[in-house]
């Protein structure tokens, strides 16, 4: 009987570890961007051939960020998703002297890519 109880504790302990690991990995995914769309958006935003957001903006975990544009922080308090998407689509609408390229209007990013970048940036 004692061995059976010990085995139950071992199985229960293993189960608790598995549940904790799953919860931790889910939390890490959410902290890193939330959804797979946001994770893909991060890749696009950091890509020198696509979004290249780091060329002008400081992003928390970006390497060698630029400082020409504002830091991309507290985005939910600064933009609605719609306004952020419009800004990335064509920043010249809000500021005709901006150096930011119109990523959507000039088809630098597809509509689907732009949506993913918005998911990532808005989550910062």
PDB file of N, CA and C in Angstrom:
ATOM      1  N   UNK A   1       0.825  -1.189   0.000  1.00  0.00           N
ATOM      2  CA  UNK A   1       0.000   0.000   0.000  1.00  0.00           C
ATOM      3  C   UNK A   1       0.870   1.254   0.000  1.00  0.00           C
ATOM      4  N   UNK A   2       1.954   1.233   0.796  1.00  0.00           N
ATOM      5  CA  UNK A   2       2.846   2.383   0.872  1.00  0.00           C
ATOM      6  C   UNK A   2       3.457   2.677  -0.500  1.00  0.00           C
ATOM      7  N   UNK A   3       3.878   1.635  -1.209  1.00  0.00           N
ATOM      8  CA  UNK A   3       4.461   1.808  -2.545  1.00  0.00           C
ATOM      9  C   UNK A   3       3.434   2.371  -3.527  1.00  0.00           C
ATOM     10  N   UNK A   4       2.197   1.927  -3.430  1.00  0.00           N
ATOM     11  CA  UNK A   4       1.145   2.442  -4.311  1.00  0.00           C
ATOM     12  C   UNK A   4       0.914   3.930  -4.073  1.00  0.00           C
ATOM     13  N   UNK A   5       0.925   4.343  -2.831  1.00  0.00           N
ATOM     14  CA  UNK A   5       0.737   5.761  -2.502  1.00  0.00           C
ATOM     15  C   UNK A   5       1.920   6.574  -3.025  1.00  0.00           C
ATOM     16  N   UNK A   6       3.143   6.054  -2.852  1.00  0.00           N
ATOM     17  CA  UNK A   6       4.328   6.748  -3.356  1.00  0.00           C
ATOM     18  C   UNK A   6       4.261   6.883  -4.878  1.00  0.00           C
ATOM     19  N   UNK A   7       3.809   5.816  -5.556  1.00  0.00           N
ATOM     20  CA  UNK A   7       3.681   5.872  -7.010  1.00  0.00           C
ATOM     21  C   UNK A   7       2.649   6.915  -7.437  1.00  0.00           C
ATOM     22  N   UNK A   8       1.538   7.004  -6.687  1.00  0.00           N
ATOM     23  CA  UNK A   8       0.531   8.018  -6.996  1.00  0.00           C
ATOM     24  C   UNK A   8       1.112   9.424  -6.850  1.00  0.00           C
ATOM     25  N   UNK A   9       1.915   9.646  -5.798  1.00  0.00           N
ATOM     26  CA  UNK A   9       2.543  10.954  -5.625  1.00  0.00           C
ATOM     27  C   UNK A   9       3.512  11.250  -6.758  1.00  0.00           C
ATOM     28  N   UNK A  10       4.239  10.234  -7.207  1.00  0.00           N
ATOM     29  CA  UNK A  10       5.170  10.426  -8.327  1.00  0.00           C
ATOM     30  C   UNK A  10       4.404  10.802  -9.591  1.00  0.00           C
ATOM     31  N   UNK A  11       3.326  10.078  -9.867  1.00  0.00           N
ATOM     32  CA  UNK A  11       2.519  10.376 -11.046  1.00  0.00           C
ATOM     33  C   UNK A  11       1.880  11.749 -10.902  1.00  0.00           C
ATOM     34  N   UNK A  12       1.347  12.038  -9.714  1.00  0.00           N
ATOM     35  CA  UNK A  12       0.738  13.343  -9.469  1.00  0.00           C
ATOM     36  C   UNK A  12       1.755  14.471  -9.605  1.00  0.00           C
ATOM     37  N   UNK A  13       2.968  14.232  -9.092  1.00  0.00           N
ATOM     38  CA  UNK A  13       4.029  15.230  -9.208  1.00  0.00           C
ATOM     39  C   UNK A  13       4.419  15.459 -10.653  1.00  0.00           C
ATOM     40  N   UNK A  14       4.506  14.368 -11.409  1.00  0.00           N
ATOM     41  CA  UNK A  14       4.834  14.481 -12.829  1.00  0.00           C
ATOM     42  C   UNK A  14       3.732  15.238 -13.564  1.00  0.00           C
ATOM     43  N   UNK A  15       2.497  14.921 -13.223  1.00  0.00           N
ATOM     44  CA  UNK A  15       1.365  15.621 -13.841  1.00  0.00           C
ATOM     45  C   UNK A  15       1.401  17.114 -13.498  1.00  0.00           C
ATOM     46  N   UNK A  16       1.698  17.442 -12.254  1.00  0.00           N
ATOM     47  CA  UNK A  16       1.781  18.844 -11.844  1.00  0.00           C
ATOM     48  C   UNK A  16       2.890  19.568 -12.606  1.00  0.00           C
ATOM     49  N   UNK A  17       4.017  18.884 -12.797  1.00  0.00           N
ATOM     50  CA  UNK A  17       5.128  19.481 -13.554  1.00  0.00           C
ATOM     51  C   UNK A  17       4.707  19.710 -14.996  1.00  0.00           C
ATOM     52  N   UNK A  18       4.012  18.739 -15.584  1.00  0.00           N
ATOM     53  CA  UNK A  18       3.575  18.881 -16.977  1.00  0.00           C
ATOM     54  C   UNK A  18       2.577  20.032 -17.118  1.00  0.00           C
ATOM     55  N   UNK A  19       1.653  20.144 -16.173  1.00  0.00           N
ATOM     56  CA  UNK A  19       0.665  21.223 -16.216  1.00  0.00           C
ATOM     57  C   UNK A  19       1.370  22.567 -16.062  1.00  0.00           C
ATOM     58  N   UNK A  20       2.317  22.656 -15.127  1.00  0.00           N
ATOM     59  CA  UNK A  20       3.048  23.908 -14.910  1.00  0.00           C
ATOM     60  C   UNK A  20       3.864  24.276 -16.141  1.00  0.00           C
ATOM     61  N   UNK A  21       4.507  23.307 -16.762  1.00  0.00           N
ATOM     62  CA  UNK A  21       5.311  23.577 -17.960  1.00  0.00           C
ATOM     63  C   UNK A  21       4.429  24.058 -19.104  1.00  0.00           C
ATOM     64  N   UNK A  22       3.265  23.447 -19.249  1.00  0.00           N
ATOM     65  CA  UNK A  22       2.343  23.874 -20.300  1.00  0.00           C
ATOM     66  C   UNK A  22       1.861  25.297 -20.033  1.00  0.00           C
ATOM     67  N   UNK A  23       1.527  25.594 -18.798  1.00  0.00           N
ATOM     68  CA  UNK A  23       1.076  26.943 -18.453  1.00  0.00           C
ATOM     69  C   UNK A  23       2.185  27.953 -18.685  1.00  0.00           C
ATOM     70  N   UNK A  24       3.420  27.596 -18.311  1.00  0.00           N
ATOM     71  CA  UNK A  24       4.548  28.498 -18.508  1.00  0.00           C
ATOM     72  C   UNK A  24       4.791  28.759 -19.982  1.00  0.00           C
ATOM     73  N   UNK A  25       4.767  27.711 -20.797  1.00  0.00           N
ATOM     74  CA  UNK A  25       5.022  27.910 -22.225  1.00  0.00           C
ATOM     75  C   UNK A  25       3.903  28.713 -22.867  1.00  0.00           C
ATOM     76  N   UNK A  26       2.669  28.532 -22.429  1.00  0.00           N
ATOM     77  CA  UNK A  26       1.565  29.333 -22.958  1.00  0.00           C
ATOM     78  C   UNK A  26       1.718  30.786 -22.554  1.00  0.00           C
ATOM     79  N   UNK A  27       2.134  31.021 -21.308  1.00  0.00           N
ATOM     80  CA  UNK A  27       2.353  32.380 -20.853  1.00  0.00           C
ATOM     81  C   UNK A  27       3.477  33.028 -21.637  1.00  0.00           C
ATOM     82  N   UNK A  28       4.540  32.281 -21.922  1.00  0.00           N
ATOM     83  CA  UNK A  28       5.661  32.825 -22.685  1.00  0.00           C
ATOM     84  C   UNK A  28       5.222  33.216 -24.081  1.00  0.00           C
ATOM     85  N   UNK A  29       4.379  32.409 -24.706  1.00  0.00           N
ATOM     86  CA  UNK A  29       3.893  32.728 -26.042  1.00  0.00           C
ATOM     87  C   UNK A  29       3.069  34.005 -25.996  1.00  0.00           C
ATOM     88  N   UNK A  30       2.213  34.134 -24.985  1.00  0.00           N
ATOM     89  CA  UNK A  30       1.395  35.337 -24.871  1.00  0.00           C
ATOM     90  C   UNK A  30       2.261  36.557 -24.624  1.00  0.00           C
ATOM     91  N   UNK A  31       3.268  36.423 -23.767  1.00  0.00           N
ATOM     92  CA  UNK A  31       4.146  37.554 -23.493  1.00  0.00           C
ATOM     93  C   UNK A  31       4.966  37.934 -24.714  1.00  0.00           C
ATOM     94  N   UNK A  32       5.277  36.977 -25.563  1.00  0.00           N
ATOM     95  CA  UNK A  32       6.105  37.242 -26.734  1.00  0.00           C
ATOM     96  C   UNK A  32       5.312  37.817 -27.896  1.00  0.00           C
ATOM     97  N   UNK A  33       4.055  37.950 -27.776  1.00  0.00           N
ATOM     98  CA  UNK A  33       3.312  38.529 -28.890  1.00  0.00           C
ATOM     99  C   UNK A  33       1.883  38.074 -28.939  1.00  0.00           C
ATOM    100  N   UNK A  34       1.531  37.058 -28.200  1.00  0.00           N
ATOM    101  CA  UNK A  34       0.144  36.665 -28.084  1.00  0.00           C
ATOM    102  C   UNK A  34      -0.306  35.573 -29.012  1.00  0.00           C
ATOM    103  N   UNK A  35      -0.242  35.763 -30.284  1.00  0.00           N
ATOM    104  CA  UNK A  35      -0.774  34.786 -31.219  1.00  0.00           C
ATOM    105  C   UNK A  35       0.282  34.436 -32.236  1.00  0.00           C
ATOM    106  N   UNK A  36       0.000  33.425 -33.010  1.00  0.00           N
ATOM    107  CA  UNK A  36       0.940  33.095 -34.075  1.00  0.00           C
ATOM    108  C   UNK A  36       1.002  34.225 -35.089  1.00  0.00           C
ATOM    109  N   UNK A  37      -0.096  34.952 -35.288  1.00  0.00           N
ATOM    110  CA  UNK A  37      -0.082  36.105 -36.198  1.00  0.00           C
ATOM    111  C   UNK A  37       0.887  37.161 -35.675  1.00  0.00           C
ATOM    112  N   UNK A  38       0.884  37.394 -34.366  1.00  0.00           N
ATOM    113  CA  UNK A  38       1.797  38.364 -33.774  1.00  0.00           C
ATOM    114  C   UNK A  38       3.249  37.889 -33.898  1.00  0.00           C
ATOM    115  N   UNK A  39       3.479  36.599 -33.702  1.00  0.00           N
ATOM    116  CA  UNK A  39       4.837  36.059 -33.846  1.00  0.00           C
ATOM    117  C   UNK A  39       5.324  36.215 -35.283  1.00  0.00           C
ATOM    118  N   UNK A  40       4.441  35.954 -36.237  1.00  0.00           N
ATOM    119  CA  UNK A  40       4.801  36.156 -37.645  1.00  0.00           C
ATOM    120  C   UNK A  40       4.999  37.644 -37.930  1.00  0.00           C
ATOM    121  N   UNK A  41       4.173  38.477 -37.309  1.00  0.00           N
ATOM    122  CA  UNK A  41       4.305  39.921 -37.466  1.00  0.00           C
ATOM    123  C   UNK A  41       5.637  40.432 -36.952  1.00  0.00           C
ATOM    124  N   UNK A  42       6.107  39.849 -35.866  1.00  0.00           N
ATOM    125  CA  UNK A  42       7.417  40.232 -35.324  1.00  0.00           C
ATOM    126  C   UNK A  42       8.514  39.906 -36.330  1.00  0.00           C
ATOM    127  N   UNK A  43       8.434  38.731 -36.924  1.00  0.00           N
ATOM    128  CA  UNK A  43       9.445  38.356 -37.929  1.00  0.00           C
ATOM    129  C   UNK A  43       9.437  39.342 -39.097  1.00  0.00           C
ATOM    130  N   UNK A  44       8.263  39.715 -39.544  1.00  0.00           N
ATOM    131  CA  UNK A  44       8.139  40.669 -40.652  1.00  0.00           C
ATOM    132  C   UNK A  44       8.665  42.035 -40.220  1.00  0.00           C
ATOM    133  N   UNK A  45       8.286  42.482 -39.028  1.00  0.00           N
ATOM    134  CA  UNK A  45       8.711  43.789 -38.527  1.00  0.00           C
ATOM    135  C   UNK A  45      10.225  43.875 -38.377  1.00  0.00           C
ATOM    136  N   UNK A  46      10.859  42.766 -38.005  1.00  0.00           N
ATOM    137  CA  UNK A  46      12.305  42.755 -37.795  1.00  0.00           C
ATOM    138  C   UNK A  46      13.078  42.451 -39.079  1.00  0.00           C
ATOM    139  N   UNK A  47      12.385  42.012 -40.111  1.00  0.00           N
ATOM    140  CA  UNK A  47      13.045  41.647 -41.364  1.00  0.00           C
ATOM    141  C   UNK A  47      13.572  42.884 -42.084  1.00  0.00           C
ATOM    142  N   UNK A  48      14.828  42.851 -42.466  1.00  0.00           N
ATOM    143  CA  UNK A  48      15.413  43.986 -43.204  1.00  0.00           C
ATOM    144  C   UNK A  48      14.839  44.080 -44.613  1.00  0.00           C
ATOM    145  N   UNK A  49      14.248  42.996 -45.103  1.00  0.00           N
ATOM    146  CA  UNK A  49      13.704  42.989 -46.462  1.00  0.00           C
ATOM    147  C   UNK A  49      12.212  43.304 -46.508  1.00  0.00           C
ATOM    148  N   UNK A  50      11.558  43.377 -45.373  1.00  0.00           N
ATOM    149  CA  UNK A  50      10.110  43.613 -45.347  1.00  0.00           C
ATOM    150  C   UNK A  50       9.781  44.843 -44.506  1.00  0.00           C
ATOM    151  N   UNK A  51       9.380  44.627 -43.259  1.00  0.00           N
ATOM    152  CA  UNK A  51       8.946  45.731 -42.412  1.00  0.00           C
ATOM    153  C   UNK A  51      10.073  46.672 -42.031  1.00  0.00           C
ATOM    154  N   UNK A  52      11.179  46.106 -41.601  1.00  0.00           N
ATOM    155  CA  UNK A  52      12.372  46.867 -41.228  1.00  0.00           C
ATOM    156  C   UNK A  52      12.069  47.959 -40.198  1.00  0.00           C
ATOM    157  N   UNK A  53      11.154  47.690 -39.291  1.00  0.00           N
ATOM    158  CA  UNK A  53      10.764  48.672 -38.283  1.00  0.00           C
ATOM    159  C   UNK A  53      11.955  49.108 -37.423  1.00  0.00           C
ATOM    160  N   UNK A  54      12.899  48.188 -37.198  1.00  0.00           N
ATOM    161  CA  UNK A  54      14.056  48.499 -36.358  1.00  0.00           C
ATOM    162  C   UNK A  54      14.986  49.533 -36.981  1.00  0.00           C
ATOM    163  N   UNK A  55      14.880  49.765 -38.264  1.00  0.00           N
ATOM    164  CA  UNK A  55      15.739  50.772 -38.892  1.00  0.00           C
ATOM    165  C   UNK A  55      15.459  52.154 -38.303  1.00  0.00           C
ATOM    166  N   UNK A  56      14.230  52.389 -37.877  1.00  0.00           N
ATOM    167  CA  UNK A  56      13.835  53.716 -37.381  1.00  0.00           C
ATOM    168  C   UNK A  56      13.314  53.718 -35.949  1.00  0.00           C
ATOM    169  N   UNK A  57      12.843  52.578 -35.458  1.00  0.00           N
ATOM    170  CA  UNK A  57      12.168  52.528 -34.159  1.00  0.00           C
ATOM    171  C   UNK A  57      12.895  51.631 -33.169  1.00  0.00           C
ATOM    172  N   UNK A  58      12.871  52.057 -31.893  1.00  0.00           N
ATOM    173  CA  UNK A  58      13.328  51.208 -30.814  1.00  0.00           C
ATOM    174  C   UNK A  58      12.177  50.266 -30.465  1.00  0.00           C
ATOM    175  N   UNK A  59      12.486  48.963 -30.450  1.00  0.00           N
ATOM    176  CA  UNK A  59      11.533  47.939 -30.032  1.00  0.00           C
ATOM    177  C   UNK A  59      12.236  47.150 -28.946  1.00  0.00           C
ATOM    178  N   UNK A  60      11.540  46.847 -27.885  1.00  0.00           N
ATOM    179  CA  UNK A  60      12.119  46.271 -26.670  1.00  0.00           C
ATOM    180  C   UNK A  60      13.199  45.223 -26.902  1.00  0.00           C
ATOM    181  N   UNK A  61      12.949  44.210 -27.667  1.00  0.00           N
ATOM    182  CA  UNK A  61      13.951  43.153 -27.833  1.00  0.00           C
ATOM    183  C   UNK A  61      14.641  43.195 -29.193  1.00  0.00           C
ATOM    184  N   UNK A  62      14.589  44.341 -29.847  1.00  0.00           N
ATOM    185  CA  UNK A  62      15.255  44.507 -31.132  1.00  0.00           C
ATOM    186  C   UNK A  62      16.732  44.804 -30.963  1.00  0.00           C
ATOM    187  N   UNK A  63      17.527  44.366 -31.924  1.00  0.00           N
ATOM    188  CA  UNK A  63      18.968  44.584 -31.904  1.00  0.00           C
ATOM    189  C   UNK A  63      19.300  45.713 -32.868  1.00  0.00           C
ATOM    190  N   UNK A  64      20.117  46.637 -32.427  1.00  0.00           N
ATOM    191  CA  UNK A  64      20.552  47.791 -33.216  1.00  0.00           C
ATOM    192  C   UNK A  64      19.384  48.621 -33.758  1.00  0.00           C
ATOM    193  N   UNK A  65      18.499  49.097 -32.863  1.00  0.00           N
ATOM    194  CA  UNK A  65      17.367  49.888 -33.341  1.00  0.00           C
ATOM    195  C   UNK A  65      17.794  51.295 -33.761  1.00  0.00           C
ATOM    196  N   UNK A  66      16.996  51.881 -34.625  1.00  0.00           N
ATOM    197  CA  UNK A  66      17.200  53.265 -35.002  1.00  0.00           C
ATOM    198  C   UNK A  66      16.501  54.177 -34.017  1.00  0.00           C
ATOM    199  N   UNK A  67      16.699  55.481 -34.188  1.00  0.00           N
ATOM    200  CA  UNK A  67      16.034  56.421 -33.291  1.00  0.00           C
ATOM    201  C   UNK A  67      15.375  57.572 -34.054  1.00  0.00           C
ATOM    202  N   UNK A  68      15.159  57.360 -35.332  1.00  0.00           N
ATOM    203  CA  UNK A  68      14.519  58.388 -36.151  1.00  0.00           C
ATOM    204  C   UNK A  68      13.013  58.471 -35.869  1.00  0.00           C
ATOM    205  N   UNK A  69      12.384  57.338 -35.654  1.00  0.00           N
ATOM    206  CA  UNK A  69      10.967  57.288 -35.325  1.00  0.00           C
ATOM    207  C   UNK A  69      10.785  57.111 -33.827  1.00  0.00           C
ATOM    208  N   UNK A  70       9.566  57.276 -33.342  1.00  0.00           N
ATOM    209  CA  UNK A  70       9.317  57.122 -31.902  1.00  0.00           C
ATOM    210  C   UNK A  70       9.484  55.664 -31.468  1.00  0.00           C
ATOM    211  N   UNK A  71       9.850  55.434 -30.200  1.00  0.00           N
ATOM    212  CA  UNK A  71       9.929  54.064 -29.686  1.00  0.00           C
ATOM    213  C   UNK A  71       8.553  53.402 -29.768  1.00  0.00           C
ATOM    214  N   UNK A  72       8.537  52.135 -30.100  1.00  0.00           N
ATOM    215  CA  UNK A  72       7.274  51.400 -30.192  1.00  0.00           C
ATOM    216  C   UNK A  72       7.003  50.752 -28.843  1.00  0.00           C
ATOM    217  N   UNK A  73       6.427  51.531 -27.952  1.00  0.00           N
ATOM    218  CA  UNK A  73       6.073  51.095 -26.602  1.00  0.00           C
ATOM    219  C   UNK A  73       4.680  51.606 -26.277  1.00  0.00           C
ATOM    220  N   UNK A  74       4.005  50.950 -25.371  1.00  0.00           N
ATOM    221  CA  UNK A  74       2.664  51.356 -24.905  1.00  0.00           C
ATOM    222  C   UNK A  74       1.726  51.635 -26.075  1.00  0.00           C
ATOM    223  N   UNK A  75       1.749  50.780 -27.055  1.00  0.00           N
ATOM    224  CA  UNK A  75       1.001  51.024 -28.287  1.00  0.00           C
ATOM    225  C   UNK A  75      -0.513  51.023 -28.075  1.00  0.00           C
ATOM    226  N   UNK A  76      -1.014  50.180 -27.177  1.00  0.00           N
ATOM    227  CA  UNK A  76      -2.463  50.130 -26.942  1.00  0.00           C
ATOM    228  C   UNK A  76      -2.983  51.428 -26.338  1.00  0.00           C
ATOM    229  N   UNK A  77      -2.125  52.138 -25.622  1.00  0.00           N
ATOM    230  CA  UNK A  77      -2.563  53.413 -25.041  1.00  0.00           C
ATOM    231  C   UNK A  77      -2.428  54.560 -26.045  1.00  0.00           C
ATOM    232  N   UNK A  78      -1.726  54.331 -27.129  1.00  0.00           N
ATOM    233  CA  UNK A  78      -1.495  55.382 -28.126  1.00  0.00           C
ATOM    234  C   UNK A  78      -2.341  55.240 -29.388  1.00  0.00           C
ATOM    235  N   UNK A  79      -2.748  54.007 -29.697  1.00  0.00           N
ATOM    236  CA  UNK A  79      -3.452  53.737 -30.945  1.00  0.00           C
ATOM    237  C   UNK A  79      -4.568  52.725 -30.737  1.00  0.00           C
ATOM    238  N   UNK A  80      -5.623  52.855 -31.531  1.00  0.00           N
ATOM    239  CA  UNK A  80      -6.541  51.736 -31.710  1.00  0.00           C
ATOM    240  C   UNK A  80      -5.889  50.864 -32.792  1.00  0.00           C
ATOM    241  N   UNK A  81      -6.332  49.646 -32.932  1.00  0.00           N
ATOM    242  CA  UNK A  81      -5.778  48.787 -33.988  1.00  0.00           C
ATOM    243  C   UNK A  81      -6.015  49.401 -35.356  1.00  0.00           C
ATOM    244  N   UNK A  82      -7.188  49.974 -35.538  1.00  0.00           N
ATOM    245  CA  UNK A  82      -7.525  50.561 -36.834  1.00  0.00           C
ATOM    246  C   UNK A  82      -6.613  51.739 -37.161  1.00  0.00           C
ATOM    247  N   UNK A  83      -6.375  52.589 -36.178  1.00  0.00           N
ATOM    248  CA  UNK A  83      -5.512  53.755 -36.396  1.00  0.00           C
ATOM    249  C   UNK A  83      -4.065  53.318 -36.648  1.00  0.00           C
ATOM    250  N   UNK A  84      -3.606  52.320 -35.907  1.00  0.00           N
ATOM    251  CA  UNK A  84      -2.251  51.801 -36.112  1.00  0.00           C
ATOM    252  C   UNK A  84      -2.111  51.216 -37.512  1.00  0.00           C
ATOM    253  N   UNK A  85      -3.113  50.452 -37.933  1.00  0.00           N
ATOM    254  CA  UNK A  85      -3.068  49.868 -39.282  1.00  0.00           C
ATOM    255  C   UNK A  85      -3.028  50.969 -40.342  1.00  0.00           C
ATOM    256  N   UNK A  86      -3.832  52.009 -40.149  1.00  0.00           N
ATOM    257  CA  UNK A  86      -3.847  53.126 -41.099  1.00  0.00           C
ATOM    258  C   UNK A  86      -2.491  53.830 -41.121  1.00  0.00           C
ATOM    259  N   UNK A  87      -1.862  53.959 -39.965  1.00  0.00           N
ATOM    260  CA  UNK A  87      -0.557  54.606 -39.870  1.00  0.00           C
ATOM    261  C   UNK A  87       0.508  53.811 -40.624  1.00  0.00           C
ATOM    262  N   UNK A  88       0.494  52.501 -40.465  1.00  0.00           N
ATOM    263  CA  UNK A  88       1.469  51.663 -41.160  1.00  0.00           C
ATOM    264  C   UNK A  88       1.129  51.595 -42.654  1.00  0.00           C
ATOM    265  N   UNK A  89      -0.151  51.538 -42.982  1.00  0.00           N
ATOM    266  CA  UNK A  89      -0.587  51.482 -44.383  1.00  0.00           C
ATOM    267  C   UNK A  89      -0.059  52.692 -45.147  1.00  0.00           C
ATOM    268  N   UNK A  90      -0.268  53.904 -44.558  1.00  0.00           N
ATOM    269  CA  UNK A  90       0.196  55.129 -45.221  1.00  0.00           C
ATOM    270  C   UNK A  90       0.320  56.243 -44.192  1.00  0.00           C
ATOM    271  N   UNK A  91       1.506  56.405 -43.639  1.00  0.00           N
ATOM    272  CA  UNK A  91       1.748  57.415 -42.606  1.00  0.00           C
ATOM    273  C   UNK A  91       1.652  58.832 -43.151  1.00  0.00           C
ATOM    274  N   UNK A  92       1.709  58.998 -44.456  1.00  0.00           N
ATOM    275  CA  UNK A  92       1.640  60.346 -45.041  1.00  0.00           C
ATOM    276  C   UNK A  92       0.250  60.963 -44.887  1.00  0.00           C
ATOM    277  N   UNK A  93      -0.751  60.161 -44.613  1.00  0.00           N
ATOM    278  CA  UNK A  93      -2.101  60.694 -44.399  1.00  0.00           C
ATOM    279  C   UNK A  93      -2.123  61.562 -43.144  1.00  0.00           C
ATOM    280  N   UNK A  94      -1.473  61.100 -42.086  1.00  0.00           N
ATOM    281  CA  UNK A  94      -1.436  61.845 -40.822  1.00  0.00           C
ATOM    282  C   UNK A  94      -0.339  62.908 -40.810  1.00  0.00           C
ATOM    283  N   UNK A  95       0.732  62.669 -41.583  1.00  0.00           N
ATOM    284  CA  UNK A  95       1.867  63.596 -41.597  1.00  0.00           C
ATOM    285  C   UNK A  95       2.530  63.512 -42.966  1.00  0.00           C
ATOM    286  N   UNK A  96       2.269  64.502 -43.810  1.00  0.00           N
ATOM    287  CA  UNK A  96       2.792  64.420 -45.176  1.00  0.00           C
ATOM    288  C   UNK A  96       4.304  64.628 -45.266  1.00  0.00           C
ATOM    289  N   UNK A  97       4.941  64.975 -44.151  1.00  0.00           N
ATOM    290  CA  UNK A  97       6.397  65.127 -44.135  1.00  0.00           C
ATOM    291  C   UNK A  97       7.109  63.964 -43.466  1.00  0.00           C
ATOM    292  N   UNK A  98       6.401  62.885 -43.198  1.00  0.00           N
ATOM    293  CA  UNK A  98       6.992  61.726 -42.530  1.00  0.00           C
ATOM    294  C   UNK A  98       8.027  61.051 -43.421  1.00  0.00           C
ATOM    295  N   UNK A  99       8.992  60.433 -42.778  1.00  0.00           N
ATOM    296  CA  UNK A  99       9.980  59.630 -43.507  1.00  0.00           C
ATOM    297  C   UNK A  99       9.542  58.174 -43.594  1.00  0.00           C
ATOM    298  N   UNK A 100       8.457  57.839 -42.903  1.00  0.00           N
ATOM    299  CA  UNK A 100       7.985  56.459 -42.889  1.00  0.00           C
ATOM    300  C   UNK A 100       7.350  56.114 -44.236  1.00  0.00           C
ATOM    301  N   UNK A 101       7.821  55.041 -44.845  1.00  0.00           N
ATOM    302  CA  UNK A 101       7.237  54.656 -46.137  1.00  0.00           C
ATOM    303  C   UNK A 101       5.798  54.171 -45.976  1.00  0.00           C
ATOM    304  N   UNK A 102       4.964  54.387 -46.962  1.00  0.00           N
ATOM    305  CA  UNK A 102       3.588  53.867 -46.923  1.00  0.00           C
ATOM    306  C   UNK A 102       3.595  52.377 -47.279  1.00  0.00           C
ATOM    307  N   UNK A 103       3.744  51.538 -46.266  1.00  0.00           N
ATOM    308  CA  UNK A 103       3.946  50.100 -46.459  1.00  0.00           C
ATOM    309  C   UNK A 103       2.813  49.429 -47.215  1.00  0.00           C
ATOM    310  N   UNK A 104       1.594  49.860 -47.000  1.00  0.00           N
ATOM    311  CA  UNK A 104       0.461  49.262 -47.705  1.00  0.00           C
ATOM    312  C   UNK A 104       0.255  49.864 -49.076  1.00  0.00           C
ATOM    313  N   UNK A 105       0.211  51.183 -49.121  1.00  0.00           N
ATOM    314  CA  UNK A 105      -0.051  51.878 -50.381  1.00  0.00           C
ATOM    315  C   UNK A 105       1.003  51.553 -51.436  1.00  0.00           C
ATOM    316  N   UNK A 106       2.257  51.428 -51.024  1.00  0.00           N
ATOM    317  CA  UNK A 106       3.324  51.101 -51.968  1.00  0.00           C
ATOM    318  C   UNK A 106       3.544  49.595 -52.126  1.00  0.00           C
ATOM    319  N   UNK A 107       2.693  48.823 -51.481  1.00  0.00           N
ATOM    320  CA  UNK A 107       2.734  47.356 -51.571  1.00  0.00           C
ATOM    321  C   UNK A 107       4.073  46.766 -51.130  1.00  0.00           C
ATOM    322  N   UNK A 108       4.679  47.408 -50.136  1.00  0.00           N
ATOM    323  CA  UNK A 108       5.880  46.857 -49.506  1.00  0.00           C
ATOM    324  C   UNK A 108       5.468  45.630 -48.702  1.00  0.00           C
ATOM    325  N   UNK A 109       4.313  45.729 -48.056  1.00  0.00           N
ATOM    326  CA  UNK A 109       3.717  44.609 -47.321  1.00  0.00           C
ATOM    327  C   UNK A 109       2.366  44.304 -47.933  1.00  0.00           C
ATOM    328  N   UNK A 110       2.053  43.023 -48.012  1.00  0.00           N
ATOM    329  CA  UNK A 110       0.709  42.631 -48.433  1.00  0.00           C
ATOM    330  C   UNK A 110      -0.266  42.972 -47.311  1.00  0.00           C
ATOM    331  N   UNK A 111      -1.533  42.933 -47.601  1.00  0.00           N
ATOM    332  CA  UNK A 111      -2.545  43.203 -46.583  1.00  0.00           C
ATOM    333  C   UNK A 111      -2.432  42.208 -45.427  1.00  0.00           C
ATOM    334  N   UNK A 112      -2.190  40.935 -45.742  1.00  0.00           N
ATOM    335  CA  UNK A 112      -2.049  39.908 -44.703  1.00  0.00           C
ATOM    336  C   UNK A 112      -0.797  40.154 -43.854  1.00  0.00           C
ATOM    337  N   UNK A 113       0.306  40.529 -44.489  1.00  0.00           N
ATOM    338  CA  UNK A 113       1.531  40.825 -43.745  1.00  0.00           C
ATOM    339  C   UNK A 113       1.332  42.044 -42.852  1.00  0.00           C
ATOM    340  N   UNK A 114       0.668  43.057 -43.388  1.00  0.00           N
ATOM    341  CA  UNK A 114       0.411  44.260 -42.618  1.00  0.00           C
ATOM    342  C   UNK A 114      -0.431  43.950 -41.386  1.00  0.00           C
ATOM    343  N   UNK A 115      -1.448  43.109 -41.543  1.00  0.00           N
ATOM    344  CA  UNK A 115      -2.286  42.713 -40.404  1.00  0.00           C
ATOM    345  C   UNK A 115      -1.461  42.018 -39.326  1.00  0.00           C
ATOM    346  N   UNK A 116      -0.524  41.184 -39.726  1.00  0.00           N
ATOM    347  CA  UNK A 116       0.334  40.482 -38.762  1.00  0.00           C
ATOM    348  C   UNK A 116       1.261  41.457 -38.044  1.00  0.00           C
ATOM    349  N   UNK A 117       1.806  42.412 -38.772  1.00  0.00           N
ATOM    350  CA  UNK A 117       2.663  43.420 -38.154  1.00  0.00           C
ATOM    351  C   UNK A 117       1.848  44.240 -37.156  1.00  0.00           C
ATOM    352  N   UNK A 118       0.629  44.598 -37.520  1.00  0.00           N
ATOM    353  CA  UNK A 118      -0.241  45.342 -36.604  1.00  0.00           C
ATOM    354  C   UNK A 118      -0.481  44.535 -35.338  1.00  0.00           C
ATOM    355  N   UNK A 119      -0.753  43.243 -35.467  1.00  0.00           N
ATOM    356  CA  UNK A 119      -0.963  42.385 -34.279  1.00  0.00           C
ATOM    357  C   UNK A 119       0.251  42.446 -33.362  1.00  0.00           C
ATOM    358  N   UNK A 120       1.433  42.365 -33.941  1.00  0.00           N
ATOM    359  CA  UNK A 120       2.655  42.391 -33.129  1.00  0.00           C
ATOM    360  C   UNK A 120       2.882  43.771 -32.516  1.00  0.00           C
ATOM    361  N   UNK A 121       2.887  44.804 -33.331  1.00  0.00           N
ATOM    362  CA  UNK A 121       3.199  46.147 -32.852  1.00  0.00           C
ATOM    363  C   UNK A 121       2.164  46.619 -31.815  1.00  0.00           C
ATOM    364  N   UNK A 122       0.900  46.351 -32.059  1.00  0.00           N
ATOM    365  CA  UNK A 122      -0.137  46.781 -31.131  1.00  0.00           C
ATOM    366  C   UNK A 122       0.003  46.112 -29.774  1.00  0.00           C
ATOM    367  N   UNK A 123       0.609  44.936 -29.750  1.00  0.00           N
ATOM    368  CA  UNK A 123       0.817  44.222 -28.495  1.00  0.00           C
ATOM    369  C   UNK A 123       2.009  44.723 -27.674  1.00  0.00           C
ATOM    370  N   UNK A 124       2.779  45.639 -28.228  1.00  0.00           N
ATOM    371  CA  UNK A 124       3.965  46.135 -27.513  1.00  0.00           C
ATOM    372  C   UNK A 124       3.573  47.130 -26.421  1.00  0.00           C
TER     373      UNK A 124
END
